[in-house]
Amino acid sequence: MPEIFRIFGMRFFFYSREHEPMHVHVKNADGRAKFDITQEKIVLVKNEGLKIKDIKAAEMVLEENRELAIEKWNEYFGKSLNDEDL
């Protein structure tokens, strides 16, 4: 599982056999969530147990590090199918 970073007790990562659209998984002791990432926005797709404050913190971290997440995805998987939109 390629890890992007860890911050505020949360792990931001993707699985080695991922699929489009570009997204990031977030996990902490309470649960996990999945966020789709585009150049325009971060969208919560699924939440399994993360508290609202952790969801908001994860969104904030992803907003501030969107380009890093996109870069890491593209480094690992190669050119994204959605690159023309990014």
N, C-alpha and C. Protein backbone atom coordinates (compact mmCIF):
# COMPACT_ATOMS: atom_id res chain seq x y z
N MET A 1 0.83 -1.18 0.00
CA MET A 1 0.00 0.00 0.00
C MET A 1 0.88 1.25 0.00
N PRO A 2 0.94 1.95 -1.11
CA PRO A 2 1.72 3.18 -1.13
C PRO A 2 1.11 4.24 -0.21
N GLU A 3 1.93 4.77 0.67
CA GLU A 3 1.48 5.78 1.62
C GLU A 3 1.89 7.16 1.13
N ILE A 4 0.96 8.11 1.20
CA ILE A 4 1.27 9.48 0.82
C ILE A 4 1.89 10.19 2.01
N PHE A 5 1.23 10.12 3.17
CA PHE A 5 1.77 10.68 4.40
C PHE A 5 0.89 10.28 5.58
N ARG A 6 1.38 10.60 6.78
CA ARG A 6 0.63 10.43 8.03
C ARG A 6 0.62 11.78 8.74
N ILE A 7 -0.55 12.16 9.24
CA ILE A 7 -0.67 13.42 9.95
C ILE A 7 -1.91 13.37 10.83
N PHE A 8 -1.86 13.99 12.00
CA PHE A 8 -2.99 14.03 12.93
C PHE A 8 -3.53 12.65 13.25
N GLY A 9 -2.66 11.65 13.31
CA GLY A 9 -3.09 10.29 13.62
C GLY A 9 -3.83 9.60 12.49
N MET A 10 -3.77 10.19 11.29
CA MET A 10 -4.44 9.61 10.12
C MET A 10 -3.40 9.21 9.08
N ARG A 11 -3.67 8.10 8.43
CA ARG A 11 -2.80 7.60 7.37
C ARG A 11 -3.50 7.85 6.04
N PHE A 12 -2.82 8.48 5.09
CA PHE A 12 -3.35 8.79 3.77
C PHE A 12 -2.62 7.89 2.77
N PHE A 13 -3.35 7.09 2.03
CA PHE A 13 -2.72 6.08 1.17
C PHE A 13 -3.64 5.68 0.04
N PHE A 14 -3.10 4.86 -0.86
CA PHE A 14 -3.91 4.18 -1.86
C PHE A 14 -3.41 2.75 -1.96
N TYR A 15 -4.23 1.89 -2.51
CA TYR A 15 -3.85 0.49 -2.67
C TYR A 15 -3.05 0.32 -3.96
N SER A 16 -2.24 -0.72 -4.02
CA SER A 16 -1.36 -0.91 -5.17
C SER A 16 -2.11 -1.32 -6.44
N ARG A 17 -3.34 -1.77 -6.31
CA ARG A 17 -4.15 -2.14 -7.48
C ARG A 17 -5.40 -1.28 -7.53
N GLU A 18 -5.20 0.02 -7.64
CA GLU A 18 -6.31 0.97 -7.62
C GLU A 18 -6.97 1.12 -8.98
N HIS A 19 -7.98 1.93 -9.02
CA HIS A 19 -8.78 2.17 -10.22
C HIS A 19 -9.13 3.65 -10.28
N GLU A 20 -9.53 4.09 -11.44
CA GLU A 20 -10.02 5.46 -11.61
C GLU A 20 -11.41 5.55 -11.01
N PRO A 21 -11.87 6.68 -10.56
CA PRO A 21 -11.17 7.95 -10.56
C PRO A 21 -10.12 8.00 -9.47
N MET A 22 -9.20 8.96 -9.61
CA MET A 22 -8.13 9.13 -8.64
C MET A 22 -8.75 9.36 -7.26
N HIS A 23 -8.23 8.65 -6.26
CA HIS A 23 -8.78 8.79 -4.92
C HIS A 23 -7.73 8.41 -3.88
N VAL A 24 -8.02 8.78 -2.63
CA VAL A 24 -7.14 8.50 -1.51
C VAL A 24 -7.96 7.89 -0.39
N HIS A 25 -7.40 6.90 0.26
CA HIS A 25 -8.01 6.30 1.45
C HIS A 25 -7.37 6.95 2.67
N VAL A 26 -8.18 7.14 3.70
CA VAL A 26 -7.72 7.72 4.96
C VAL A 26 -8.14 6.77 6.07
N LYS A 27 -7.22 6.47 6.97
CA LYS A 27 -7.53 5.54 8.05
C LYS A 27 -6.96 6.06 9.35
N ASN A 28 -7.74 5.92 10.43
CA ASN A 28 -7.24 6.17 11.77
C ASN A 28 -7.79 5.09 12.69
N ALA A 29 -7.63 5.25 13.99
CA ALA A 29 -8.05 4.22 14.95
C ALA A 29 -9.56 4.01 14.95
N ASP A 30 -10.33 5.03 14.54
CA ASP A 30 -11.79 4.94 14.57
C ASP A 30 -12.40 4.31 13.32
N GLY A 31 -11.73 4.43 12.19
CA GLY A 31 -12.31 3.92 10.96
C GLY A 31 -11.54 4.36 9.74
N ARG A 32 -12.27 4.42 8.62
CA ARG A 32 -11.63 4.77 7.36
C ARG A 32 -12.60 5.53 6.47
N ALA A 33 -12.03 6.23 5.49
CA ALA A 33 -12.84 6.97 4.53
C ALA A 33 -12.12 6.95 3.18
N LYS A 34 -12.86 7.32 2.15
CA LYS A 34 -12.31 7.39 0.80
C LYS A 34 -12.72 8.73 0.20
N PHE A 35 -11.76 9.42 -0.41
CA PHE A 35 -11.99 10.71 -1.04
C PHE A 35 -11.55 10.67 -2.50
N ASP A 36 -12.42 11.08 -3.41
CA ASP A 36 -12.01 11.28 -4.80
C ASP A 36 -11.27 12.60 -4.88
N ILE A 37 -10.29 12.66 -5.78
CA ILE A 37 -9.48 13.86 -5.93
C ILE A 37 -9.49 14.32 -7.38
N THR A 38 -9.86 15.57 -7.58
CA THR A 38 -9.71 16.21 -8.89
C THR A 38 -8.97 17.52 -8.67
N GLN A 39 -8.64 18.19 -9.73
CA GLN A 39 -7.95 19.47 -9.61
C GLN A 39 -8.87 20.50 -8.96
N GLU A 40 -10.18 20.34 -9.13
CA GLU A 40 -11.14 21.31 -8.62
C GLU A 40 -11.60 21.05 -7.20
N LYS A 41 -11.69 19.78 -6.79
CA LYS A 41 -12.29 19.51 -5.49
C LYS A 41 -11.89 18.16 -4.92
N ILE A 42 -12.13 18.05 -3.62
CA ILE A 42 -11.98 16.80 -2.88
C ILE A 42 -13.39 16.38 -2.50
N VAL A 43 -13.76 15.13 -2.79
CA VAL A 43 -15.13 14.67 -2.54
C VAL A 43 -15.10 13.42 -1.67
N LEU A 44 -15.79 13.48 -0.54
CA LEU A 44 -15.94 12.30 0.30
C LEU A 44 -16.84 11.30 -0.41
N VAL A 45 -16.34 10.09 -0.61
CA VAL A 45 -17.09 9.05 -1.31
C VAL A 45 -17.68 8.06 -0.32
N LYS A 46 -16.89 7.72 0.72
CA LYS A 46 -17.33 6.71 1.67
C LYS A 46 -16.72 7.02 3.03
N ASN A 47 -17.50 6.82 4.08
CA ASN A 47 -17.00 6.95 5.44
C ASN A 47 -17.44 5.73 6.24
N GLU A 48 -16.49 5.08 6.84
CA GLU A 48 -16.78 3.91 7.68
C GLU A 48 -16.19 4.14 9.07
N GLY A 49 -16.82 5.02 9.85
CA GLY A 49 -16.44 5.18 11.24
C GLY A 49 -15.66 6.42 11.62
N LEU A 50 -15.13 7.17 10.66
CA LEU A 50 -14.42 8.39 11.04
C LEU A 50 -15.39 9.41 11.60
N LYS A 51 -14.95 10.11 12.64
CA LYS A 51 -15.77 11.17 13.23
C LYS A 51 -15.80 12.38 12.31
N ILE A 52 -16.84 13.19 12.43
CA ILE A 52 -17.00 14.37 11.59
C ILE A 52 -15.77 15.26 11.66
N LYS A 53 -15.21 15.47 12.85
CA LYS A 53 -14.02 16.32 12.97
C LYS A 53 -12.84 15.74 12.21
N ASP A 54 -12.74 14.41 12.16
CA ASP A 54 -11.65 13.77 11.42
C ASP A 54 -11.88 13.86 9.91
N ILE A 55 -13.13 13.77 9.49
CA ILE A 55 -13.46 13.94 8.07
C ILE A 55 -13.07 15.34 7.63
N LYS A 56 -13.45 16.34 8.42
CA LYS A 56 -13.11 17.73 8.09
C LYS A 56 -11.60 17.94 8.07
N ALA A 57 -10.89 17.36 9.04
CA ALA A 57 -9.43 17.48 9.08
C ALA A 57 -8.80 16.81 7.86
N ALA A 58 -9.30 15.62 7.49
CA ALA A 58 -8.78 14.92 6.32
C ALA A 58 -9.02 15.73 5.05
N GLU A 59 -10.22 16.30 4.92
CA GLU A 59 -10.51 17.14 3.74
C GLU A 59 -9.55 18.33 3.68
N MET A 60 -9.31 18.97 4.83
CA MET A 60 -8.42 20.11 4.88
C MET A 60 -7.00 19.70 4.46
N VAL A 61 -6.53 18.59 5.00
CA VAL A 61 -5.18 18.11 4.67
C VAL A 61 -5.10 17.79 3.18
N LEU A 62 -6.12 17.14 2.63
CA LEU A 62 -6.10 16.81 1.21
C LEU A 62 -6.19 18.05 0.33
N GLU A 63 -6.98 19.03 0.74
CA GLU A 63 -7.04 20.29 -0.01
C GLU A 63 -5.66 20.93 -0.06
N GLU A 64 -4.98 20.98 1.07
CA GLU A 64 -3.66 21.61 1.15
C GLU A 64 -2.58 20.80 0.45
N ASN A 65 -2.81 19.51 0.28
CA ASN A 65 -1.80 18.63 -0.31
C ASN A 65 -2.31 17.92 -1.57
N ARG A 66 -3.29 18.52 -2.22
CA ARG A 66 -3.89 17.92 -3.42
C ARG A 66 -2.83 17.61 -4.48
N GLU A 67 -1.95 18.55 -4.76
CA GLU A 67 -0.95 18.34 -5.81
C GLU A 67 0.01 17.21 -5.45
N LEU A 68 0.36 17.09 -4.17
CA LEU A 68 1.21 15.98 -3.73
C LEU A 68 0.50 14.64 -3.94
N ALA A 69 -0.77 14.57 -3.58
CA ALA A 69 -1.54 13.32 -3.75
C ALA A 69 -1.62 12.95 -5.24
N ILE A 70 -1.88 13.94 -6.09
CA ILE A 70 -1.94 13.69 -7.54
C ILE A 70 -0.58 13.23 -8.05
N GLU A 71 0.47 13.89 -7.60
CA GLU A 71 1.83 13.53 -8.00
C GLU A 71 2.16 12.09 -7.60
N LYS A 72 1.86 11.73 -6.35
CA LYS A 72 2.14 10.38 -5.86
C LYS A 72 1.35 9.32 -6.64
N TRP A 73 0.08 9.62 -6.93
CA TRP A 73 -0.75 8.70 -7.71
C TRP A 73 -0.11 8.48 -9.08
N ASN A 74 0.24 9.58 -9.76
CA ASN A 74 0.81 9.49 -11.10
C ASN A 74 2.18 8.84 -11.10
N GLU A 75 2.98 9.06 -10.06
CA GLU A 75 4.28 8.39 -9.95
C GLU A 75 4.09 6.88 -9.87
N TYR A 76 3.11 6.46 -9.10
CA TYR A 76 2.92 5.02 -8.87
C TYR A 76 2.20 4.35 -10.04
N PHE A 77 1.14 4.96 -10.54
CA PHE A 77 0.31 4.33 -11.57
C PHE A 77 0.64 4.79 -12.98
N GLY A 78 1.45 5.81 -13.12
CA GLY A 78 1.71 6.36 -14.45
C GLY A 78 0.65 7.39 -14.78
N LYS A 79 0.61 7.79 -16.03
CA LYS A 79 -0.32 8.84 -16.44
C LYS A 79 -1.76 8.42 -16.18
N SER A 80 -2.49 9.29 -15.51
CA SER A 80 -3.89 9.03 -15.16
C SER A 80 -4.78 9.14 -16.38
N LEU A 81 -5.85 8.36 -16.42
CA LEU A 81 -6.82 8.48 -17.50
C LEU A 81 -7.46 9.86 -17.52
N ASN A 82 -7.49 10.51 -16.37
CA ASN A 82 -8.13 11.83 -16.27
C ASN A 82 -7.13 12.97 -16.35
N ASP A 83 -5.89 12.72 -16.77
CA ASP A 83 -4.89 13.78 -16.79
C ASP A 83 -5.29 14.96 -17.64
N GLU A 84 -6.04 14.73 -18.73
CA GLU A 84 -6.43 15.86 -19.56
C GLU A 84 -7.38 16.78 -18.80
N ASP A 85 -8.03 16.29 -17.73
CA ASP A 85 -8.92 17.10 -16.94
C ASP A 85 -8.20 17.80 -15.79
N LEU A 86 -6.97 17.37 -15.47
CA LEU A 86 -6.24 17.90 -14.32
C LEU A 86 -5.43 19.11 -14.66
